[in-house]
N, C-alpha and C. Protein backbone atom coordinates (compact mmCIF):
# COMPACT_ATOMS: atom_id res chain seq x y z
N MET A 1 179.96 82.08 54.76
CA MET A 1 179.16 81.88 53.57
C MET A 1 177.94 82.79 53.60
N GLY A 2 177.42 83.07 52.45
CA GLY A 2 176.25 83.91 52.35
C GLY A 2 176.55 85.40 52.23
N TYR A 3 177.82 85.75 52.25
CA TYR A 3 178.22 87.15 52.18
C TYR A 3 177.62 87.85 50.97
N ASP A 4 177.66 87.18 49.82
CA ASP A 4 177.17 87.81 48.59
C ASP A 4 175.66 88.03 48.62
N VAL A 5 174.95 87.34 49.47
CA VAL A 5 173.49 87.44 49.53
C VAL A 5 173.02 88.26 50.73
N TRP A 6 173.66 88.08 51.89
CA TRP A 6 173.14 88.64 53.13
C TRP A 6 173.95 89.79 53.72
N SER A 7 175.02 90.21 53.10
CA SER A 7 175.90 91.21 53.72
C SER A 7 175.31 92.60 53.77
N GLU A 8 174.33 92.87 52.93
CA GLU A 8 173.68 94.19 52.90
C GLU A 8 174.71 95.32 52.79
N GLY A 9 175.73 95.11 51.96
CA GLY A 9 176.72 96.14 51.70
C GLY A 9 177.84 96.26 52.72
N GLN A 10 177.84 95.43 53.75
CA GLN A 10 178.91 95.46 54.74
C GLN A 10 180.22 94.97 54.11
N GLU A 11 181.32 95.46 54.64
CA GLU A 11 182.61 94.90 54.27
C GLU A 11 182.69 93.49 54.84
N LEU A 12 183.52 92.65 54.24
CA LEU A 12 183.61 91.25 54.64
C LEU A 12 183.92 91.09 56.12
N GLY A 13 184.87 91.84 56.65
CA GLY A 13 185.22 91.73 58.07
C GLY A 13 184.05 92.06 58.98
N ALA A 14 183.32 93.11 58.64
CA ALA A 14 182.16 93.50 59.44
C ALA A 14 181.06 92.45 59.35
N TYR A 15 180.88 91.88 58.18
CA TYR A 15 179.89 90.82 58.01
C TYR A 15 180.24 89.60 58.87
N ARG A 16 181.49 89.19 58.83
CA ARG A 16 181.92 88.04 59.64
C ARG A 16 181.72 88.30 61.12
N LEU A 17 182.04 89.50 61.56
CA LEU A 17 181.86 89.86 62.96
C LEU A 17 180.38 89.83 63.34
N SER A 18 179.52 90.36 62.47
CA SER A 18 178.08 90.35 62.78
C SER A 18 177.55 88.92 62.86
N CYS A 19 178.08 88.03 62.05
CA CYS A 19 177.68 86.62 62.12
C CYS A 19 178.12 85.98 63.44
N ARG A 20 179.38 86.23 63.80
CA ARG A 20 179.90 85.66 65.06
C ARG A 20 179.14 86.16 66.27
N GLU A 21 178.67 87.40 66.23
CA GLU A 21 177.98 87.99 67.38
C GLU A 21 176.47 87.83 67.33
N SER A 22 175.95 87.22 66.29
CA SER A 22 174.51 87.10 66.11
C SER A 22 173.89 86.18 67.16
N PRO A 23 172.96 86.71 67.97
CA PRO A 23 172.26 85.84 68.92
C PRO A 23 171.49 84.73 68.21
N LYS A 24 170.94 85.03 67.05
CA LYS A 24 170.19 84.03 66.29
C LYS A 24 171.09 82.87 65.90
N TYR A 25 172.28 83.16 65.40
CA TYR A 25 173.17 82.10 64.98
C TYR A 25 173.65 81.26 66.16
N ARG A 26 173.75 81.86 67.32
CA ARG A 26 174.21 81.13 68.51
C ARG A 26 173.17 80.14 69.04
N LEU A 27 171.91 80.31 68.62
CA LEU A 27 170.85 79.41 69.08
C LEU A 27 170.88 78.06 68.36
N GLY A 28 171.59 78.00 67.25
CA GLY A 28 171.62 76.77 66.46
C GLY A 28 172.99 76.14 66.42
N GLU A 29 173.07 75.05 65.69
CA GLU A 29 174.32 74.32 65.50
C GLU A 29 174.65 74.35 64.02
N TRP A 30 175.85 74.80 63.70
CA TRP A 30 176.28 74.84 62.30
C TRP A 30 176.55 73.43 61.79
N ARG A 31 176.14 73.19 60.57
CA ARG A 31 176.48 71.97 59.83
C ARG A 31 177.18 72.44 58.56
N VAL A 32 178.35 71.87 58.28
CA VAL A 32 179.16 72.30 57.15
C VAL A 32 179.54 71.09 56.32
N LEU A 33 179.43 71.24 55.01
CA LEU A 33 179.88 70.23 54.07
C LEU A 33 181.13 70.77 53.39
N ASP A 34 182.22 70.04 53.50
CA ASP A 34 183.48 70.47 52.90
C ASP A 34 183.61 69.93 51.48
N ASP A 35 184.39 70.64 50.67
CA ASP A 35 184.71 70.15 49.33
C ASP A 35 185.83 69.11 49.43
N GLU A 36 186.29 68.64 48.29
CA GLU A 36 187.29 67.59 48.24
C GLU A 36 188.63 68.01 48.86
N GLN A 37 188.89 69.31 48.92
CA GLN A 37 190.14 69.81 49.50
C GLN A 37 189.98 70.17 50.99
N GLY A 38 188.79 69.98 51.53
CA GLY A 38 188.55 70.27 52.94
C GLY A 38 188.10 71.68 53.22
N ALA A 39 187.82 72.46 52.19
CA ALA A 39 187.32 73.82 52.37
C ALA A 39 185.79 73.80 52.46
N PRO A 40 185.20 74.68 53.28
CA PRO A 40 183.73 74.71 53.37
C PRO A 40 183.09 74.98 52.01
N ALA A 41 182.16 74.13 51.63
CA ALA A 41 181.46 74.28 50.36
C ALA A 41 180.02 74.74 50.56
N SER A 42 179.38 74.24 51.62
CA SER A 42 177.99 74.59 51.89
C SER A 42 177.76 74.49 53.40
N SER A 43 176.84 75.29 53.90
CA SER A 43 176.58 75.27 55.33
C SER A 43 175.11 75.59 55.61
N LEU A 44 174.69 75.26 56.81
CA LEU A 44 173.36 75.61 57.30
C LEU A 44 173.40 75.62 58.82
N ILE A 45 172.36 76.15 59.40
CA ILE A 45 172.23 76.12 60.86
C ILE A 45 171.03 75.25 61.20
N LEU A 46 171.23 74.34 62.14
CA LEU A 46 170.18 73.45 62.61
C LEU A 46 169.70 73.95 63.97
N TYR A 47 168.41 74.17 64.07
CA TYR A 47 167.80 74.62 65.33
C TYR A 47 166.89 73.51 65.86
N ARG A 48 167.06 73.17 67.14
CA ARG A 48 166.11 72.26 67.79
C ARG A 48 165.04 73.12 68.42
N LEU A 49 163.82 73.03 67.90
CA LEU A 49 162.72 73.88 68.37
C LEU A 49 162.03 73.30 69.59
N ASP A 50 161.88 71.98 69.61
CA ASP A 50 161.35 71.25 70.76
C ASP A 50 161.67 69.78 70.53
N ALA A 51 161.14 68.89 71.35
CA ALA A 51 161.49 67.47 71.26
C ALA A 51 161.11 66.87 69.91
N ASP A 52 160.06 67.37 69.28
CA ASP A 52 159.57 66.81 68.03
C ASP A 52 159.92 67.61 66.79
N SER A 53 160.45 68.82 66.96
CA SER A 53 160.61 69.74 65.83
C SER A 53 162.00 70.34 65.74
N ALA A 54 162.41 70.57 64.50
CA ALA A 54 163.68 71.23 64.23
C ALA A 54 163.46 72.26 63.12
N GLY A 55 164.42 73.14 62.99
CA GLY A 55 164.40 74.12 61.92
C GLY A 55 165.73 74.16 61.23
N ILE A 56 165.71 74.41 59.95
CA ILE A 56 166.92 74.56 59.16
C ILE A 56 166.94 75.98 58.63
N GLY A 57 168.05 76.68 58.84
CA GLY A 57 168.14 78.05 58.38
C GLY A 57 169.51 78.40 57.84
N SER A 58 169.59 79.56 57.24
CA SER A 58 170.85 80.12 56.74
C SER A 58 171.60 79.16 55.83
N ILE A 59 170.88 78.53 54.92
CA ILE A 59 171.49 77.61 53.97
C ILE A 59 172.27 78.44 52.95
N ALA A 60 173.54 78.14 52.81
CA ALA A 60 174.38 78.91 51.88
C ALA A 60 175.44 78.00 51.27
N THR A 61 175.81 78.34 50.06
CA THR A 61 176.87 77.61 49.35
C THR A 61 177.86 78.62 48.81
N ALA A 62 179.13 78.30 48.93
CA ALA A 62 180.18 79.16 48.40
C ALA A 62 179.94 79.37 46.90
N PRO A 63 180.10 80.59 46.41
CA PRO A 63 179.82 80.86 44.99
C PRO A 63 180.48 79.88 44.02
N ALA A 64 181.71 79.51 44.25
CA ALA A 64 182.41 78.59 43.33
C ALA A 64 181.85 77.17 43.40
N GLU A 65 181.08 76.86 44.42
CA GLU A 65 180.56 75.50 44.61
C GLU A 65 179.09 75.36 44.22
N ARG A 66 178.46 76.43 43.79
CA ARG A 66 177.04 76.39 43.45
C ARG A 66 176.78 75.57 42.20
N ARG A 67 175.57 75.03 42.16
CA ARG A 67 175.10 74.20 41.05
C ARG A 67 175.89 72.90 40.92
N ARG A 68 176.39 72.42 42.06
CA ARG A 68 177.14 71.16 42.09
C ARG A 68 176.51 70.18 43.08
N GLY A 69 175.33 70.52 43.60
CA GLY A 69 174.64 69.63 44.52
C GLY A 69 175.12 69.69 45.96
N ARG A 70 175.92 70.69 46.29
CA ARG A 70 176.48 70.78 47.64
C ARG A 70 175.39 70.99 48.69
N ALA A 71 174.55 72.00 48.50
CA ALA A 71 173.49 72.26 49.48
C ALA A 71 172.52 71.08 49.55
N ALA A 72 172.18 70.52 48.40
CA ALA A 72 171.26 69.38 48.38
C ALA A 72 171.82 68.21 49.18
N GLY A 73 173.10 67.94 49.02
CA GLY A 73 173.72 66.85 49.78
C GLY A 73 173.72 67.12 51.27
N LEU A 74 174.00 68.37 51.63
CA LEU A 74 174.01 68.74 53.05
C LEU A 74 172.61 68.64 53.65
N ILE A 75 171.62 69.18 52.96
CA ILE A 75 170.24 69.12 53.45
C ILE A 75 169.79 67.67 53.59
N ALA A 76 170.04 66.85 52.58
CA ALA A 76 169.63 65.44 52.64
C ALA A 76 170.27 64.73 53.82
N GLY A 77 171.55 64.99 54.06
CA GLY A 77 172.23 64.37 55.19
C GLY A 77 171.66 64.80 56.53
N VAL A 78 171.37 66.08 56.67
CA VAL A 78 170.79 66.59 57.92
C VAL A 78 169.40 65.99 58.13
N LEU A 79 168.59 65.92 57.08
CA LEU A 79 167.25 65.35 57.21
C LEU A 79 167.31 63.87 57.58
N GLU A 80 168.24 63.15 57.00
CA GLU A 80 168.41 61.74 57.34
C GLU A 80 168.76 61.58 58.82
N SER A 81 169.65 62.41 59.31
CA SER A 81 170.03 62.37 60.71
C SER A 81 168.84 62.70 61.61
N LEU A 82 168.07 63.71 61.24
CA LEU A 82 166.90 64.07 62.04
C LEU A 82 165.86 62.96 62.04
N ASP A 83 165.68 62.29 60.90
CA ASP A 83 164.76 61.15 60.84
C ASP A 83 165.20 60.05 61.80
N ARG A 84 166.50 59.75 61.82
CA ARG A 84 167.01 58.71 62.72
C ARG A 84 166.80 59.09 64.19
N GLN A 85 166.81 60.38 64.48
CA GLN A 85 166.60 60.86 65.85
C GLN A 85 165.13 60.92 66.23
N GLY A 86 164.24 60.64 65.29
CA GLY A 86 162.81 60.65 65.57
C GLY A 86 162.15 62.02 65.51
N VAL A 87 162.83 63.00 64.92
CA VAL A 87 162.23 64.33 64.77
C VAL A 87 161.06 64.22 63.80
N LYS A 88 159.92 64.73 64.21
CA LYS A 88 158.69 64.58 63.42
C LYS A 88 158.46 65.71 62.43
N HIS A 89 158.89 66.91 62.77
CA HIS A 89 158.60 68.08 61.94
C HIS A 89 159.87 68.89 61.73
N VAL A 90 160.15 69.26 60.49
CA VAL A 90 161.30 70.11 60.18
C VAL A 90 160.78 71.32 59.40
N PHE A 91 161.11 72.49 59.90
CA PHE A 91 160.68 73.74 59.28
C PHE A 91 161.87 74.43 58.62
N LEU A 92 161.57 75.21 57.61
CA LEU A 92 162.54 76.14 57.05
C LEU A 92 161.79 77.30 56.42
N PHE A 93 162.50 78.40 56.26
CA PHE A 93 161.96 79.57 55.57
C PHE A 93 162.69 79.69 54.25
N SER A 94 161.96 79.59 53.16
CA SER A 94 162.56 79.65 51.84
C SER A 94 162.57 81.08 51.34
N ASP A 95 163.77 81.57 51.05
CA ASP A 95 163.94 82.88 50.43
C ASP A 95 164.18 82.73 48.93
N ILE A 96 164.17 81.49 48.45
CA ILE A 96 164.29 81.20 47.02
C ILE A 96 163.00 80.51 46.60
N ALA A 97 162.92 80.09 45.36
CA ALA A 97 161.72 79.39 44.88
C ALA A 97 161.47 78.15 45.75
N PRO A 98 160.32 78.07 46.41
CA PRO A 98 160.05 76.94 47.31
C PRO A 98 160.16 75.57 46.65
N ARG A 99 159.97 75.49 45.35
CA ARG A 99 160.03 74.19 44.68
C ARG A 99 161.39 73.49 44.90
N TYR A 100 162.44 74.27 45.14
CA TYR A 100 163.75 73.66 45.41
C TYR A 100 163.64 72.71 46.59
N TYR A 101 162.92 73.10 47.63
CA TYR A 101 162.84 72.30 48.86
C TYR A 101 161.76 71.21 48.78
N GLU A 102 160.88 71.30 47.82
CA GLU A 102 159.84 70.27 47.68
C GLU A 102 160.44 68.90 47.40
N ARG A 103 161.59 68.85 46.74
CA ARG A 103 162.23 67.56 46.44
C ARG A 103 162.66 66.82 47.70
N PHE A 104 162.78 67.55 48.82
CA PHE A 104 163.13 66.95 50.10
C PHE A 104 161.90 66.64 50.95
N GLY A 105 160.71 66.87 50.39
CA GLY A 105 159.47 66.60 51.10
C GLY A 105 158.88 67.80 51.82
N PHE A 106 159.44 68.99 51.64
CA PHE A 106 158.88 70.18 52.27
C PHE A 106 157.66 70.68 51.50
N GLU A 107 156.70 71.21 52.25
CA GLU A 107 155.51 71.83 51.67
C GLU A 107 155.32 73.19 52.33
N ALA A 108 154.85 74.14 51.56
CA ALA A 108 154.55 75.46 52.12
C ALA A 108 153.40 75.34 53.11
N LEU A 109 153.54 76.02 54.24
CA LEU A 109 152.42 76.08 55.17
C LEU A 109 151.29 76.88 54.52
N PRO A 110 150.05 76.64 54.95
CA PRO A 110 148.94 77.43 54.41
C PRO A 110 149.18 78.93 54.63
N VAL A 111 148.59 79.73 53.78
CA VAL A 111 148.82 81.18 53.77
C VAL A 111 148.56 81.81 55.14
N GLU A 112 147.60 81.30 55.88
CA GLU A 112 147.29 81.90 57.19
C GLU A 112 148.42 81.72 58.21
N HIS A 113 149.38 80.85 57.89
CA HIS A 113 150.51 80.63 58.79
C HIS A 113 151.80 81.28 58.29
N GLN A 114 151.72 82.03 57.22
CA GLN A 114 152.90 82.73 56.70
C GLN A 114 153.05 84.06 57.43
N ARG A 115 154.23 84.30 58.00
CA ARG A 115 154.45 85.48 58.84
C ARG A 115 155.58 86.40 58.37
N LYS A 116 156.47 85.90 57.53
CA LYS A 116 157.66 86.66 57.15
C LYS A 116 157.56 87.08 55.69
N PRO A 117 157.34 88.37 55.43
CA PRO A 117 157.28 88.82 54.04
C PRO A 117 158.58 88.49 53.30
N GLY A 118 158.44 87.97 52.10
CA GLY A 118 159.61 87.63 51.29
C GLY A 118 160.13 86.23 51.52
N SER A 119 159.58 85.51 52.49
CA SER A 119 159.97 84.13 52.78
C SER A 119 158.73 83.27 52.86
N VAL A 120 158.90 82.01 52.52
CA VAL A 120 157.81 81.05 52.62
C VAL A 120 158.18 80.04 53.70
N CYS A 121 157.36 79.97 54.75
CA CYS A 121 157.59 78.97 55.79
C CYS A 121 157.12 77.63 55.27
N MET A 122 158.00 76.64 55.34
CA MET A 122 157.72 75.30 54.84
C MET A 122 157.94 74.28 55.94
N VAL A 123 157.29 73.14 55.78
CA VAL A 123 157.44 72.06 56.76
C VAL A 123 157.57 70.73 56.03
N ARG A 124 158.35 69.88 56.63
CA ARG A 124 158.46 68.48 56.21
C ARG A 124 158.02 67.67 57.42
N SER A 125 156.90 66.96 57.27
CA SER A 125 156.33 66.28 58.42
C SER A 125 155.55 65.06 57.98
N ARG A 126 155.72 64.00 58.72
CA ARG A 126 154.91 62.80 58.49
C ARG A 126 153.55 62.93 59.16
N PHE A 127 153.41 63.97 59.99
CA PHE A 127 152.19 64.15 60.76
C PHE A 127 151.59 65.54 60.52
N LYS A 128 151.64 65.99 59.28
CA LYS A 128 151.25 67.37 58.95
C LYS A 128 149.80 67.67 59.35
N GLU A 129 148.90 66.74 59.13
CA GLU A 129 147.49 66.99 59.45
C GLU A 129 147.31 67.25 60.94
N ARG A 130 147.98 66.45 61.78
CA ARG A 130 147.90 66.67 63.24
C ARG A 130 148.62 67.94 63.64
N LEU A 131 149.74 68.23 63.00
CA LEU A 131 150.52 69.41 63.32
C LEU A 131 149.72 70.69 63.10
N LEU A 132 148.97 70.75 62.02
CA LEU A 132 148.27 71.97 61.64
C LEU A 132 146.89 72.10 62.29
N GLY A 133 146.72 71.55 63.47
CA GLY A 133 145.46 71.67 64.19
C GLY A 133 145.22 73.10 64.66
N PRO A 134 144.10 73.31 65.35
CA PRO A 134 143.72 74.66 65.77
C PRO A 134 144.73 75.37 66.66
N ALA A 135 145.52 74.64 67.41
CA ALA A 135 146.47 75.26 68.33
C ALA A 135 147.83 75.53 67.68
N PHE A 136 148.00 75.19 66.40
CA PHE A 136 149.30 75.32 65.75
C PHE A 136 149.74 76.78 65.66
N GLN A 137 150.99 77.00 66.02
CA GLN A 137 151.65 78.29 65.84
C GLN A 137 152.92 78.06 65.04
N PRO A 138 153.07 78.72 63.90
CA PRO A 138 154.30 78.51 63.14
C PRO A 138 155.51 79.05 63.91
N PRO A 139 156.68 78.52 63.62
CA PRO A 139 157.86 79.01 64.32
C PRO A 139 158.17 80.44 63.89
N ALA A 140 158.86 81.14 64.75
CA ALA A 140 159.37 82.46 64.40
C ALA A 140 160.48 82.29 63.37
N TYR A 141 160.74 83.31 62.59
CA TYR A 141 161.80 83.28 61.60
C TYR A 141 163.14 83.03 62.27
N PHE A 142 163.86 82.06 61.76
CA PHE A 142 165.18 81.73 62.32
C PHE A 142 166.22 81.78 61.25
């Protein structure tokens, strides 16, 4: 998934190979939501950053499945699971309008913590005020 957005002109086979060999992708765990026929409809990568924090990245939906709530359902399910596990902070980098993720409780980090041009680092946290103390370092782009 994501070929139409992230392939940068690569042929499909080369894109798939680059994904399989990506050190970044190997650091996380794929979460996939299948459609009614069992085909992948939406996916993301879940990264455990430390005992209290996780990151969500590479959110993608198959073109035929877009605008059907697939990514929203997947994100909500992953967040529910992380809440049950006691994860306090969840980060993501939004390459789309950040308001999409606000419905899940994400907020853009203050401008001084933005590091990736073209992306907005966001956090969902019940402890945001404590998180953003003087020692806070935003996560690297994942």
